[in-house]
Amino acid sequence: MKKSWIILIIIAIVIGIILGVGFAIYSVNQNKTDGTDITSEKQLANDNTIENSNNQIDNSNIIETSSTNTNISPNAILITKIYYKSCDHLIRKSEDISEELINKSREDVEKAYPEWKIEEFSPTQITLYKTENGNCGEHYWVQEHNGVIGIYVMDEYGVKTLKEDTEISTQYLPEEDIKNLQAGIEIIGHTKLVEFLEDYE
């Protein structure tokens, strides 16, 4: 009896030692793995933070450099946009940059155009915008005048003023066109006016 109990106790102790050693080895390995993962994640985060801060420094340097060195190129385009309140029209015009503005900065343009708002400024394009109270000046009235087609300009009150007589005679036009021209035709926009007159040339 006593021998069997002693053997059982010894076996239990041996099993306990084996389990304890196995658990200890497992825990050590697990901690090493976890420590490695955490360390690498922290290192990666630190590396990313350093890289991001370096990028921000580089970007801020680029922005400062470009803002101080942005001057107008000789082949730049100047775009002007004027919104007219009376007729609710926006007139956009484009032209080559004037010699006075070549190599000038944004501040120089602001001084040269104090009544305008700068919408876009780059070495190749400047866009200026402003608002006017009147109409756009491109409201035309085309009507027969002294046997030719006359061009009238209309102001915001609808008052017509003869601008010029064309060389287009109304004598040989179709009867329906003559009636329309005698009554008068409103045309908005200089481009549309040119297209209209080209139809009769």
N, C-alpha and C. Protein backbone atom coordinates (compact mmCIF):
# COMPACT_ATOMS: atom_id res chain seq x y z
N MET A 1 0.83 -1.19 0.00
CA MET A 1 0.00 0.00 0.00
C MET A 1 0.86 1.24 0.00
N LYS A 2 1.82 1.27 0.92
CA LYS A 2 2.63 2.47 1.05
C LYS A 2 3.45 2.69 -0.21
N LYS A 3 3.93 1.64 -0.83
CA LYS A 3 4.75 1.78 -2.03
C LYS A 3 3.91 2.34 -3.19
N SER A 4 2.70 1.89 -3.31
CA SER A 4 1.84 2.36 -4.40
C SER A 4 1.53 3.85 -4.25
N TRP A 5 1.31 4.30 -3.03
CA TRP A 5 1.07 5.73 -2.78
C TRP A 5 2.30 6.54 -3.10
N ILE A 6 3.43 6.04 -2.71
CA ILE A 6 4.68 6.77 -2.98
C ILE A 6 4.90 6.89 -4.48
N ILE A 7 4.62 5.81 -5.21
CA ILE A 7 4.79 5.83 -6.67
C ILE A 7 3.84 6.83 -7.30
N LEU A 8 2.58 6.84 -6.80
CA LEU A 8 1.60 7.79 -7.35
C LEU A 8 2.02 9.25 -7.08
N ILE A 9 2.52 9.50 -5.90
CA ILE A 9 2.96 10.86 -5.55
C ILE A 9 4.13 11.27 -6.43
N ILE A 10 5.08 10.34 -6.63
CA ILE A 10 6.25 10.64 -7.46
C ILE A 10 5.82 10.94 -8.89
N ILE A 11 4.88 10.10 -9.40
CA ILE A 11 4.38 10.31 -10.77
C ILE A 11 3.69 11.66 -10.88
N ALA A 12 2.88 12.01 -9.85
CA ALA A 12 2.17 13.29 -9.86
C ALA A 12 3.15 14.45 -9.84
N ILE A 13 4.23 14.32 -9.04
CA ILE A 13 5.24 15.38 -8.97
C ILE A 13 5.94 15.52 -10.31
N VAL A 14 6.31 14.37 -10.92
CA VAL A 14 6.99 14.41 -12.21
C VAL A 14 6.11 15.07 -13.27
N ILE A 15 4.82 14.67 -13.27
CA ILE A 15 3.88 15.27 -14.25
C ILE A 15 3.75 16.76 -14.00
N GLY A 16 3.67 17.12 -12.71
CA GLY A 16 3.57 18.55 -12.37
C GLY A 16 4.79 19.33 -12.81
N ILE A 17 5.98 18.73 -12.60
CA ILE A 17 7.22 19.40 -13.03
C ILE A 17 7.24 19.58 -14.54
N ILE A 18 6.85 18.49 -15.26
CA ILE A 18 6.86 18.55 -16.73
C ILE A 18 5.90 19.62 -17.24
N LEU A 19 4.68 19.64 -16.65
CA LEU A 19 3.70 20.65 -17.05
C LEU A 19 4.18 22.06 -16.73
N GLY A 20 4.79 22.20 -15.55
CA GLY A 20 5.29 23.52 -15.15
C GLY A 20 6.39 24.01 -16.07
N VAL A 21 7.35 23.10 -16.37
CA VAL A 21 8.44 23.48 -17.28
C VAL A 21 7.89 23.82 -18.66
N GLY A 22 6.96 22.99 -19.17
CA GLY A 22 6.36 23.24 -20.49
C GLY A 22 5.63 24.58 -20.52
N PHE A 23 4.87 24.89 -19.49
CA PHE A 23 4.13 26.15 -19.41
C PHE A 23 5.09 27.35 -19.36
N ALA A 24 6.19 27.16 -18.59
CA ALA A 24 7.17 28.23 -18.46
C ALA A 24 7.83 28.52 -19.81
N ILE A 25 8.19 27.44 -20.52
CA ILE A 25 8.82 27.61 -21.84
C ILE A 25 7.86 28.29 -22.81
N TYR A 26 6.60 27.88 -22.80
CA TYR A 26 5.57 28.47 -23.66
C TYR A 26 5.41 29.96 -23.37
N SER A 27 5.36 30.32 -22.09
CA SER A 27 5.18 31.72 -21.69
C SER A 27 6.35 32.58 -22.14
N VAL A 28 7.58 32.04 -21.95
CA VAL A 28 8.76 32.80 -22.35
C VAL A 28 8.74 33.06 -23.85
N ASN A 29 8.44 32.01 -24.63
CA ASN A 29 8.39 32.16 -26.09
C ASN A 29 7.30 33.14 -26.51
N GLN A 30 6.15 33.07 -25.85
CA GLN A 30 5.04 33.97 -26.18
C GLN A 30 5.42 35.41 -25.89
N ASN A 31 6.04 35.66 -24.77
CA ASN A 31 6.45 37.02 -24.41
C ASN A 31 7.48 37.56 -25.38
N LYS A 32 8.40 36.69 -25.81
CA LYS A 32 9.41 37.13 -26.77
C LYS A 32 8.74 37.54 -28.08
N THR A 33 7.78 36.72 -28.55
CA THR A 33 7.08 37.02 -29.80
C THR A 33 6.28 38.30 -29.68
N ASP A 34 5.53 38.41 -28.57
CA ASP A 34 4.74 39.62 -28.38
C ASP A 34 5.63 40.84 -28.28
N GLY A 35 6.71 40.74 -27.59
CA GLY A 35 7.63 41.86 -27.44
C GLY A 35 8.20 42.29 -28.77
N THR A 36 8.52 41.32 -29.60
CA THR A 36 9.06 41.63 -30.92
C THR A 36 8.03 42.37 -31.76
N ASP A 37 6.76 41.89 -31.75
CA ASP A 37 5.71 42.54 -32.53
C ASP A 37 5.48 43.96 -32.06
N ILE A 38 5.39 44.15 -30.76
CA ILE A 38 5.14 45.48 -30.22
C ILE A 38 6.30 46.41 -30.54
N THR A 39 7.49 45.90 -30.36
CA THR A 39 8.67 46.73 -30.64
C THR A 39 8.69 47.14 -32.11
N SER A 40 8.42 46.19 -33.00
CA SER A 40 8.47 46.52 -34.41
C SER A 40 7.36 47.49 -34.79
N GLU A 41 6.18 47.35 -34.18
CA GLU A 41 5.09 48.29 -34.47
C GLU A 41 5.44 49.68 -33.96
N LYS A 42 6.02 49.73 -32.76
CA LYS A 42 6.44 51.04 -32.23
C LYS A 42 7.51 51.65 -33.11
N GLN A 43 8.46 50.81 -33.53
CA GLN A 43 9.54 51.31 -34.39
C GLN A 43 8.98 51.81 -35.71
N LEU A 44 8.02 51.04 -36.27
CA LEU A 44 7.39 51.43 -37.53
C LEU A 44 6.64 52.75 -37.36
N ALA A 45 5.92 52.88 -36.25
CA ALA A 45 5.19 54.12 -35.99
C ALA A 45 6.14 55.29 -35.86
N ASN A 46 7.26 55.07 -35.13
CA ASN A 46 8.25 56.13 -34.98
C ASN A 46 8.87 56.51 -36.32
N ASP A 47 9.17 55.47 -37.13
CA ASP A 47 9.74 55.73 -38.45
C ASP A 47 8.78 56.53 -39.31
N ASN A 48 7.46 56.14 -39.27
CA ASN A 48 6.45 56.85 -40.05
C ASN A 48 6.30 58.29 -39.58
N THR A 49 6.34 58.48 -38.27
CA THR A 49 6.22 59.83 -37.71
C THR A 49 7.38 60.70 -38.17
N ILE A 50 8.58 60.12 -38.10
CA ILE A 50 9.77 60.88 -38.54
C ILE A 50 9.67 61.19 -40.02
N GLU A 51 9.26 60.17 -40.82
CA GLU A 51 9.15 60.38 -42.26
C GLU A 51 8.10 61.42 -42.59
N ASN A 52 6.92 61.35 -41.90
CA ASN A 52 5.86 62.33 -42.14
C ASN A 52 6.30 63.73 -41.78
N SER A 53 7.00 63.87 -40.66
CA SER A 53 7.45 65.20 -40.25
C SER A 53 8.48 65.72 -41.24
N ASN A 54 9.34 64.83 -41.76
CA ASN A 54 10.31 65.25 -42.78
C ASN A 54 9.60 65.70 -44.05
N ASN A 55 8.54 64.94 -44.43
CA ASN A 55 7.77 65.31 -45.62
C ASN A 55 7.09 66.65 -45.42
N GLN A 56 6.55 66.89 -44.22
CA GLN A 56 5.90 68.17 -43.95
C GLN A 56 6.90 69.31 -44.03
N ILE A 57 8.09 69.07 -43.51
CA ILE A 57 9.12 70.10 -43.59
C ILE A 57 9.48 70.36 -45.04
N ASP A 58 9.65 69.25 -45.82
CA ASP A 58 9.98 69.40 -47.24
C ASP A 58 8.88 70.14 -47.97
N ASN A 59 7.59 69.74 -47.71
CA ASN A 59 6.46 70.38 -48.38
C ASN A 59 6.36 71.85 -48.03
N SER A 60 6.57 72.16 -46.76
CA SER A 60 6.48 73.57 -46.36
C SER A 60 7.58 74.37 -47.03
N ASN A 61 8.75 73.76 -47.18
CA ASN A 61 9.83 74.45 -47.89
C ASN A 61 9.48 74.67 -49.34
N ILE A 62 8.85 73.66 -49.96
CA ILE A 62 8.46 73.78 -51.36
C ILE A 62 7.44 74.90 -51.53
N ILE A 63 6.44 74.93 -50.65
CA ILE A 63 5.40 75.95 -50.75
C ILE A 63 5.99 77.34 -50.58
N GLU A 64 6.86 77.50 -49.59
CA GLU A 64 7.46 78.81 -49.37
C GLU A 64 8.32 79.22 -50.56
N THR A 65 9.06 78.27 -51.10
CA THR A 65 9.94 78.59 -52.23
C THR A 65 9.12 78.98 -53.45
N SER A 66 8.03 78.18 -53.74
CA SER A 66 7.24 78.46 -54.92
C SER A 66 6.47 79.76 -54.78
N SER A 67 6.01 80.09 -53.56
CA SER A 67 5.23 81.31 -53.40
C SER A 67 6.11 82.55 -53.55
N THR A 68 7.36 82.43 -53.16
CA THR A 68 8.23 83.60 -53.26
C THR A 68 8.79 83.76 -54.66
N ASN A 69 8.87 82.65 -55.44
CA ASN A 69 9.49 82.71 -56.76
C ASN A 69 8.49 82.67 -57.90
N THR A 70 7.18 82.79 -57.63
CA THR A 70 6.19 82.72 -58.69
C THR A 70 6.09 84.07 -59.38
N ASN A 71 6.64 84.15 -60.57
CA ASN A 71 6.58 85.37 -61.37
C ASN A 71 5.93 85.05 -62.71
N ILE A 72 5.40 86.06 -63.34
CA ILE A 72 4.63 85.88 -64.56
C ILE A 72 5.55 85.64 -65.76
N SER A 73 5.23 84.60 -66.50
CA SER A 73 6.01 84.22 -67.67
C SER A 73 5.67 85.13 -68.86
N PRO A 74 6.61 85.31 -69.79
CA PRO A 74 6.32 86.14 -70.97
C PRO A 74 5.20 85.60 -71.85
N ASN A 75 4.95 84.27 -71.80
CA ASN A 75 3.88 83.69 -72.63
C ASN A 75 2.62 83.42 -71.82
N ALA A 76 2.43 84.15 -70.72
CA ALA A 76 1.25 83.95 -69.87
C ALA A 76 0.01 84.56 -70.54
N ILE A 77 -1.16 84.13 -70.02
CA ILE A 77 -2.45 84.62 -70.51
C ILE A 77 -3.15 85.35 -69.38
N LEU A 78 -3.75 86.48 -69.71
CA LEU A 78 -4.55 87.24 -68.75
C LEU A 78 -6.02 87.05 -69.08
N ILE A 79 -6.78 86.51 -68.12
CA ILE A 79 -8.22 86.31 -68.29
C ILE A 79 -8.96 87.27 -67.36
N THR A 80 -9.88 88.05 -67.94
CA THR A 80 -10.70 88.95 -67.14
C THR A 80 -12.15 88.48 -67.19
N LYS A 81 -12.79 88.47 -66.03
CA LYS A 81 -14.20 88.09 -65.93
C LYS A 81 -14.94 89.21 -65.21
N ILE A 82 -15.98 89.74 -65.88
CA ILE A 82 -16.79 90.81 -65.28
C ILE A 82 -18.24 90.36 -65.23
N TYR A 83 -18.80 90.41 -64.03
CA TYR A 83 -20.23 90.08 -63.85
C TYR A 83 -21.02 91.38 -63.81
N TYR A 84 -22.02 91.49 -64.71
CA TYR A 84 -22.85 92.69 -64.79
C TYR A 84 -24.19 92.41 -64.11
N LYS A 85 -24.47 93.18 -63.08
CA LYS A 85 -25.68 92.94 -62.27
C LYS A 85 -26.97 93.20 -63.04
N SER A 86 -26.99 94.25 -63.86
CA SER A 86 -28.24 94.64 -64.53
C SER A 86 -28.76 93.56 -65.47
N CYS A 87 -27.87 92.96 -66.24
CA CYS A 87 -28.31 91.95 -67.21
C CYS A 87 -27.98 90.53 -66.78
N ASP A 88 -27.31 90.38 -65.63
CA ASP A 88 -26.97 89.06 -65.10
C ASP A 88 -26.10 88.26 -66.06
N HIS A 89 -25.15 88.96 -66.71
CA HIS A 89 -24.24 88.30 -67.65
C HIS A 89 -22.82 88.35 -67.12
N LEU A 90 -22.07 87.29 -67.42
CA LEU A 90 -20.66 87.22 -67.08
C LEU A 90 -19.87 87.25 -68.39
N ILE A 91 -19.06 88.28 -68.57
CA ILE A 91 -18.26 88.42 -69.79
C ILE A 91 -16.83 88.01 -69.47
N ARG A 92 -16.32 87.06 -70.25
CA ARG A 92 -14.97 86.54 -70.04
C ARG A 92 -14.13 86.87 -71.26
N LYS A 93 -12.98 87.49 -71.04
CA LYS A 93 -12.08 87.83 -72.13
C LYS A 93 -10.68 87.30 -71.83
N SER A 94 -9.98 86.92 -72.88
CA SER A 94 -8.63 86.38 -72.73
C SER A 94 -7.69 87.13 -73.65
N GLU A 95 -6.50 87.45 -73.13
CA GLU A 95 -5.51 88.15 -73.94
C GLU A 95 -4.11 87.79 -73.45
N ASP A 96 -3.12 88.06 -74.29
CA ASP A 96 -1.73 87.85 -73.89
C ASP A 96 -1.36 88.85 -72.81
N ILE A 97 -0.44 88.45 -71.97
CA ILE A 97 -0.01 89.31 -70.87
C ILE A 97 0.72 90.53 -71.44
N SER A 98 0.53 91.68 -70.83
CA SER A 98 1.22 92.89 -71.29
C SER A 98 2.68 92.86 -70.83
N GLU A 99 3.52 93.59 -71.55
CA GLU A 99 4.95 93.60 -71.23
C GLU A 99 5.21 94.13 -69.82
N GLU A 100 4.34 95.02 -69.35
CA GLU A 100 4.54 95.61 -68.02
C GLU A 100 4.42 94.59 -66.90
N LEU A 101 3.71 93.48 -67.16
CA LEU A 101 3.48 92.48 -66.12
C LEU A 101 4.46 91.31 -66.16
N ILE A 102 5.28 91.22 -67.19
CA ILE A 102 6.21 90.09 -67.30
C ILE A 102 7.19 90.12 -66.12
N ASN A 103 7.38 88.95 -65.52
CA ASN A 103 8.26 88.76 -64.35
C ASN A 103 7.77 89.45 -63.08
N LYS A 104 6.50 89.87 -63.08
CA LYS A 104 5.95 90.51 -61.88
C LYS A 104 5.36 89.45 -60.95
N SER A 105 5.20 89.82 -59.68
CA SER A 105 4.65 88.91 -58.67
C SER A 105 3.16 89.16 -58.49
N ARG A 106 2.54 88.34 -57.65
CA ARG A 106 1.12 88.50 -57.34
C ARG A 106 0.86 89.88 -56.73
N GLU A 107 1.75 90.31 -55.85
CA GLU A 107 1.59 91.62 -55.20
C GLU A 107 1.63 92.74 -56.23
N ASP A 108 2.46 92.60 -57.25
CA ASP A 108 2.53 93.61 -58.31
C ASP A 108 1.22 93.67 -59.09
N VAL A 109 0.63 92.51 -59.34
CA VAL A 109 -0.66 92.47 -60.06
C VAL A 109 -1.75 93.11 -59.21
N GLU A 110 -1.75 92.83 -57.91
CA GLU A 110 -2.74 93.45 -57.02
C GLU A 110 -2.63 94.97 -57.04
N LYS A 111 -1.41 95.49 -57.12
CA LYS A 111 -1.22 96.95 -57.18
C LYS A 111 -1.68 97.50 -58.54
N ALA A 112 -1.42 96.75 -59.61
CA ALA A 112 -1.78 97.20 -60.95
C ALA A 112 -3.29 97.13 -61.20
N TYR A 113 -3.98 96.20 -60.52
CA TYR A 113 -5.42 96.02 -60.69
C TYR A 113 -6.12 96.08 -59.32
N PRO A 114 -6.16 97.24 -58.70
CA PRO A 114 -6.71 97.32 -57.33
C PRO A 114 -8.21 97.03 -57.23
N GLU A 115 -8.96 97.23 -58.33
CA GLU A 115 -10.41 97.01 -58.29
C GLU A 115 -10.79 95.57 -58.59
N TRP A 116 -9.83 94.74 -58.89
CA TRP A 116 -10.08 93.36 -59.30
C TRP A 116 -9.71 92.39 -58.20
N LYS A 117 -10.39 91.25 -58.20
CA LYS A 117 -10.03 90.14 -57.31
C LYS A 117 -9.26 89.11 -58.12
N ILE A 118 -8.13 88.65 -57.59
CA ILE A 118 -7.34 87.63 -58.29
C ILE A 118 -7.92 86.26 -57.95
N GLU A 119 -8.51 85.61 -58.96
CA GLU A 119 -9.07 84.27 -58.76
C GLU A 119 -8.02 83.18 -58.95
N GLU A 120 -7.09 83.43 -59.85
CA GLU A 120 -6.04 82.44 -60.12
C GLU A 120 -4.76 83.18 -60.47
N PHE A 121 -3.65 82.68 -59.92
CA PHE A 121 -2.35 83.28 -60.24
C PHE A 121 -1.32 82.18 -60.39
N SER A 122 -0.76 82.07 -61.57
CA SER A 122 0.32 81.13 -61.83
C SER A 122 1.24 81.78 -62.86
N PRO A 123 2.43 81.21 -63.08
CA PRO A 123 3.34 81.81 -64.07
C PRO A 123 2.75 81.88 -65.47
N THR A 124 1.77 81.01 -65.79
CA THR A 124 1.23 80.97 -67.15
C THR A 124 -0.17 81.51 -67.29
N GLN A 125 -0.86 81.77 -66.18
CA GLN A 125 -2.25 82.27 -66.28
C GLN A 125 -2.63 83.10 -65.07
N ILE A 126 -3.25 84.25 -65.35
CA ILE A 126 -3.81 85.10 -64.29
C ILE A 126 -5.28 85.30 -64.61
N THR A 127 -6.15 85.07 -63.63
CA THR A 127 -7.58 85.28 -63.81
C THR A 127 -8.04 86.35 -62.84
N LEU A 128 -8.63 87.42 -63.39
CA LEU A 128 -9.12 88.54 -62.59
C LEU A 128 -10.65 88.60 -62.68
N TYR A 129 -11.29 89.02 -61.59
CA TYR A 129 -12.76 89.07 -61.53
C TYR A 129 -13.22 90.35 -60.85
N LYS A 130 -14.30 90.92 -61.37
CA LYS A 130 -14.94 92.04 -60.67
C LYS A 130 -16.41 92.12 -61.06
N THR A 131 -17.17 92.92 -60.31
CA THR A 131 -18.60 93.09 -60.52
C THR A 131 -18.89 94.54 -60.93
N GLU A 132 -19.79 94.70 -61.92
CA GLU A 132 -20.22 96.02 -62.36
C GLU A 132 -21.73 96.13 -62.21
N ASN A 133 -22.22 97.36 -62.02
CA ASN A 133 -23.67 97.57 -61.83
C ASN A 133 -24.44 97.61 -63.13
N GLY A 134 -23.86 98.11 -64.21
CA GLY A 134 -24.59 98.27 -65.46
C GLY A 134 -24.78 96.95 -66.21
N ASN A 135 -25.06 97.07 -67.54
CA ASN A 135 -25.15 95.85 -68.34
C ASN A 135 -23.84 95.62 -69.07
N CYS A 136 -23.74 94.50 -69.75
CA CYS A 136 -22.46 94.06 -70.28
C CYS A 136 -22.02 94.80 -71.54
N GLY A 137 -22.90 95.61 -72.12
CA GLY A 137 -22.53 96.34 -73.33
C GLY A 137 -22.57 95.49 -74.59
N GLU A 138 -23.09 94.27 -74.47
CA GLU A 138 -23.19 93.39 -75.64
C GLU A 138 -24.64 93.04 -75.94
N HIS A 139 -25.53 94.01 -75.66
CA HIS A 139 -26.95 93.88 -76.03
C HIS A 139 -27.17 94.73 -77.28
N TYR A 140 -27.42 94.05 -78.39
CA TYR A 140 -27.52 94.75 -79.68
C TYR A 140 -28.95 94.67 -80.22
N TRP A 141 -29.26 95.68 -81.01
CA TRP A 141 -30.54 95.72 -81.71
C TRP A 141 -30.20 95.92 -83.18
N VAL A 142 -30.57 94.96 -84.02
CA VAL A 142 -30.27 95.02 -85.44
C VAL A 142 -31.55 95.39 -86.17
N GLN A 143 -31.47 96.47 -86.99
CA GLN A 143 -32.69 96.97 -87.64
C GLN A 143 -32.33 97.63 -88.96
N GLU A 144 -33.29 97.61 -89.87
CA GLU A 144 -33.09 98.27 -91.17
C GLU A 144 -32.96 99.78 -90.93
N HIS A 145 -31.92 100.38 -91.53
CA HIS A 145 -31.68 101.82 -91.37
C HIS A 145 -31.08 102.37 -92.66
N ASN A 146 -31.84 103.25 -93.30
CA ASN A 146 -31.39 103.88 -94.56
C ASN A 146 -31.02 102.84 -95.62
N GLY A 147 -31.79 101.77 -95.70
CA GLY A 147 -31.59 100.77 -96.75
C GLY A 147 -30.52 99.74 -96.44
N VAL A 148 -29.88 99.82 -95.27
CA VAL A 148 -28.88 98.83 -94.89
C VAL A 148 -29.21 98.32 -93.48
N ILE A 149 -28.46 97.33 -93.05
CA ILE A 149 -28.65 96.81 -91.70
C ILE A 149 -27.88 97.70 -90.73
N GLY A 150 -28.60 98.27 -89.79
CA GLY A 150 -27.98 99.12 -88.79
C GLY A 150 -27.82 98.37 -87.47
N ILE A 151 -26.73 98.66 -86.79
CA ILE A 151 -26.47 98.02 -85.50
C ILE A 151 -26.64 99.06 -84.39
N TYR A 152 -27.51 98.76 -83.46
CA TYR A 152 -27.77 99.64 -82.32
C TYR A 152 -27.27 98.97 -81.04
N VAL A 153 -26.86 99.77 -80.10
CA VAL A 153 -26.46 99.27 -78.78
C VAL A 153 -27.56 99.65 -77.79
N MET A 154 -27.93 98.70 -76.93
CA MET A 154 -28.97 98.96 -75.93
C MET A 154 -28.36 99.04 -74.55
N ASP A 155 -28.77 100.05 -73.76
CA ASP A 155 -28.28 100.14 -72.38
C ASP A 155 -29.21 99.36 -71.45
N GLU A 156 -28.94 99.44 -70.12
CA GLU A 156 -29.72 98.64 -69.18
C GLU A 156 -31.18 99.05 -69.09
N TYR A 157 -31.51 100.24 -69.64
CA TYR A 157 -32.89 100.73 -69.63
C TYR A 157 -33.61 100.45 -70.94
N GLY A 158 -32.93 99.80 -71.88
CA GLY A 158 -33.54 99.47 -73.16
C GLY A 158 -33.45 100.59 -74.18
N VAL A 159 -32.70 101.65 -73.87
CA VAL A 159 -32.55 102.76 -74.80
C VAL A 159 -31.55 102.37 -75.89
N LYS A 160 -31.97 102.55 -77.15
CA LYS A 160 -31.14 102.14 -78.29
C LYS A 160 -30.37 103.34 -78.85
N THR A 161 -29.08 103.09 -79.13
CA THR A 161 -28.23 104.12 -79.74
C THR A 161 -27.56 103.51 -80.97
N LEU A 162 -27.67 104.21 -82.11
CA LEU A 162 -27.06 103.68 -83.33
C LEU A 162 -25.54 103.63 -83.17
N LYS A 163 -25.00 102.44 -83.36
CA LYS A 163 -23.55 102.26 -83.26
C LYS A 163 -22.90 102.44 -84.62
N GLU A 164 -23.47 101.75 -85.64
CA GLU A 164 -22.91 101.85 -86.99
C GLU A 164 -23.88 101.25 -88.00
N ASP A 165 -23.74 101.69 -89.22
CA ASP A 165 -24.45 101.08 -90.34
C ASP A 165 -23.50 100.11 -91.03
N THR A 166 -24.02 98.94 -91.37
CA THR A 166 -23.21 97.99 -92.11
C THR A 166 -23.30 98.29 -93.60
N GLU A 167 -22.59 97.56 -94.40
CA GLU A 167 -22.66 97.72 -95.87
C GLU A 167 -23.61 96.68 -96.47
N ILE A 168 -24.39 96.04 -95.61
CA ILE A 168 -25.31 94.99 -96.08
C ILE A 168 -26.64 95.65 -96.45
N SER A 169 -26.95 95.65 -97.73
CA SER A 169 -28.19 96.26 -98.22
C SER A 169 -29.36 95.31 -97.94
N THR A 170 -30.48 95.90 -97.56
CA THR A 170 -31.68 95.09 -97.30
C THR A 170 -32.54 94.94 -98.56
N GLN A 171 -32.17 95.60 -99.63
CA GLN A 171 -33.00 95.64 -100.83
C GLN A 171 -33.24 94.26 -101.44
N TYR A 172 -32.21 93.40 -101.43
CA TYR A 172 -32.33 92.10 -102.12
C TYR A 172 -32.52 90.93 -101.16
N LEU A 173 -32.81 91.23 -99.91
CA LEU A 173 -33.04 90.16 -98.94
C LEU A 173 -34.43 89.57 -99.11
N PRO A 174 -34.63 88.33 -98.67
CA PRO A 174 -35.98 87.75 -98.72
C PRO A 174 -36.99 88.62 -97.96
N GLU A 175 -38.21 88.58 -98.40
CA GLU A 175 -39.26 89.45 -97.83
C GLU A 175 -39.43 89.24 -96.33
N GLU A 176 -39.35 88.00 -95.89
CA GLU A 176 -39.51 87.72 -94.46
C GLU A 176 -38.38 88.34 -93.64
N ASP A 177 -37.16 88.28 -94.17
CA ASP A 177 -36.02 88.90 -93.47
C ASP A 177 -36.18 90.41 -93.41
N ILE A 178 -36.67 91.00 -94.49
CA ILE A 178 -36.87 92.45 -94.51
C ILE A 178 -37.89 92.85 -93.44
N LYS A 179 -38.98 92.09 -93.32
CA LYS A 179 -39.98 92.38 -92.29
C LYS A 179 -39.39 92.28 -90.90
N ASN A 180 -38.58 91.24 -90.66
CA ASN A 180 -37.94 91.07 -89.35
C ASN A 180 -37.00 92.22 -89.04
N LEU A 181 -36.23 92.65 -90.05
CA LEU A 181 -35.28 93.73 -89.85
C LEU A 181 -35.98 95.09 -89.68
N GLN A 182 -37.12 95.25 -90.32
CA GLN A 182 -37.88 96.50 -90.13
C GLN A 182 -38.43 96.58 -88.70
N ALA A 183 -38.83 95.42 -88.16
CA ALA A 183 -39.33 95.39 -86.78
C ALA A 183 -38.18 95.48 -85.78
N GLY A 184 -37.04 94.93 -86.15
CA GLY A 184 -35.86 94.94 -85.26
C GLY A 184 -35.65 93.60 -84.59
N ILE A 185 -34.42 93.21 -84.43
CA ILE A 185 -34.06 91.91 -83.83
C ILE A 185 -33.05 92.16 -82.71
N GLU A 186 -33.32 91.62 -81.54
CA GLU A 186 -32.38 91.75 -80.41
C GLU A 186 -31.37 90.61 -80.46
N ILE A 187 -30.10 90.97 -80.32
CA ILE A 187 -29.03 89.97 -80.30
C ILE A 187 -28.15 90.26 -79.09
N ILE A 188 -27.86 89.21 -78.31
CA ILE A 188 -27.02 89.36 -77.12
C ILE A 188 -25.70 88.65 -77.36
N GLY A 189 -24.62 89.39 -77.25
CA GLY A 189 -23.29 88.82 -77.43
C GLY A 189 -22.67 89.23 -78.75
N HIS A 190 -21.43 89.68 -78.70
CA HIS A 190 -20.75 90.14 -79.91
C HIS A 190 -20.52 89.00 -80.90
N THR A 191 -20.23 87.82 -80.38
CA THR A 191 -20.01 86.67 -81.26
C THR A 191 -21.27 86.33 -82.05
N LYS A 192 -22.41 86.36 -81.37
CA LYS A 192 -23.68 86.06 -82.05
C LYS A 192 -24.02 87.15 -83.07
N LEU A 193 -23.66 88.39 -82.75
CA LEU A 193 -23.90 89.48 -83.71
C LEU A 193 -23.09 89.24 -84.98
N VAL A 194 -21.82 88.88 -84.84
CA VAL A 194 -20.96 88.61 -86.00
C VAL A 194 -21.53 87.46 -86.82
N GLU A 195 -21.95 86.39 -86.14
CA GLU A 195 -22.53 85.23 -86.84
C GLU A 195 -23.81 85.64 -87.59
N PHE A 196 -24.62 86.47 -86.96
CA PHE A 196 -25.87 86.93 -87.60
C PHE A 196 -25.58 87.70 -88.86
N LEU A 197 -24.63 88.62 -88.81
CA LEU A 197 -24.31 89.44 -89.98
C LEU A 197 -23.66 88.62 -91.08
N GLU A 198 -22.88 87.61 -90.71
CA GLU A 198 -22.23 86.75 -91.72
C GLU A 198 -23.27 86.02 -92.56
N ASP A 199 -24.43 85.74 -92.00
CA ASP A 199 -25.49 85.05 -92.75
C ASP A 199 -26.03 85.91 -93.89
N TYR A 200 -25.86 87.22 -93.80
CA TYR A 200 -26.40 88.13 -94.81
C TYR A 200 -25.32 88.65 -95.76
N GLU A 201 -24.08 88.29 -95.55
CA GLU A 201 -23.01 88.78 -96.42
C GLU A 201 -22.85 87.93 -97.67
